[in-house]
Amino acid sequence: MMIDIGVIIVLLLALWSITITLEKLAARIIDKQDQQNQLLEEIKELLKSEK
């Protein structure tokens, strides 16, 4: 019985850790996408002004 509780606790901690890691990764990806969008907007404006 105690081993079962230990396994459950370890699994919960592992899932929690994975969740935190995925959240950080998603935040980084979103930041990079925002940077790319800003660059694309700047390029678009430059192309408009050259016409």
Protein backbone atom coordinates (compact mmCIF):
# COMPACT_ATOMS: atom_id res chain seq x y z
CA MET A 1 0.00 0.00 0.00
CA MET A 2 2.79 2.45 0.90
CA ILE A 3 4.64 1.58 -2.30
CA ASP A 4 1.52 2.42 -4.33
CA ILE A 5 1.28 5.84 -2.67
CA GLY A 6 4.99 6.42 -3.32
CA VAL A 7 4.59 5.54 -7.00
CA ILE A 8 1.61 7.89 -7.31
CA ILE A 9 3.54 10.73 -5.67
CA VAL A 10 6.54 10.19 -7.96
CA LEU A 11 4.28 10.12 -11.02
CA LEU A 12 2.51 13.32 -9.94
CA LEU A 13 5.83 15.09 -9.39
CA ALA A 14 7.10 13.93 -12.78
CA LEU A 15 3.93 15.13 -14.54
CA TRP A 16 4.09 18.45 -12.69
CA SER A 17 7.72 18.90 -13.75
CA ILE A 18 6.91 18.07 -17.37
CA THR A 19 4.00 20.53 -17.30
CA ILE A 20 6.23 23.34 -16.01
CA THR A 21 8.84 22.57 -18.68
CA LEU A 22 6.22 22.59 -21.45
CA GLU A 23 4.82 25.91 -20.21
CA LYS A 24 8.29 27.49 -20.34
CA LEU A 25 8.88 26.06 -23.82
CA ALA A 26 5.53 27.35 -25.07
CA ALA A 27 6.27 30.82 -23.67
CA ARG A 28 9.63 30.86 -25.48
CA ILE A 29 8.01 29.77 -28.75
CA ILE A 30 5.34 32.47 -28.44
CA ASP A 31 8.01 35.09 -27.79
CA LYS A 32 9.91 34.02 -30.90
CA GLN A 33 6.72 34.12 -32.95
CA ASP A 34 6.02 37.64 -31.71
CA GLN A 35 9.53 38.70 -32.75
CA GLN A 36 9.03 37.17 -36.20
CA ASN A 37 5.68 38.94 -36.59
CA GLN A 38 7.28 42.26 -35.69
CA LEU A 39 10.04 41.70 -38.24
CA LEU A 40 7.52 40.78 -40.91
CA GLU A 41 5.54 43.95 -40.18
CA GLU A 42 8.71 46.02 -40.48
CA ILE A 43 9.56 44.34 -43.79
CA LYS A 44 6.03 44.95 -45.02
CA GLU A 45 6.27 48.64 -44.14
CA LEU A 46 9.65 48.92 -45.85
CA LEU A 47 8.30 47.30 -49.00
CA LYS A 48 5.30 49.65 -48.98
CA SER A 49 7.51 52.71 -48.63
CA GLU A 50 9.73 51.62 -51.54
CA LYS A 51 6.81 51.44 -53.99
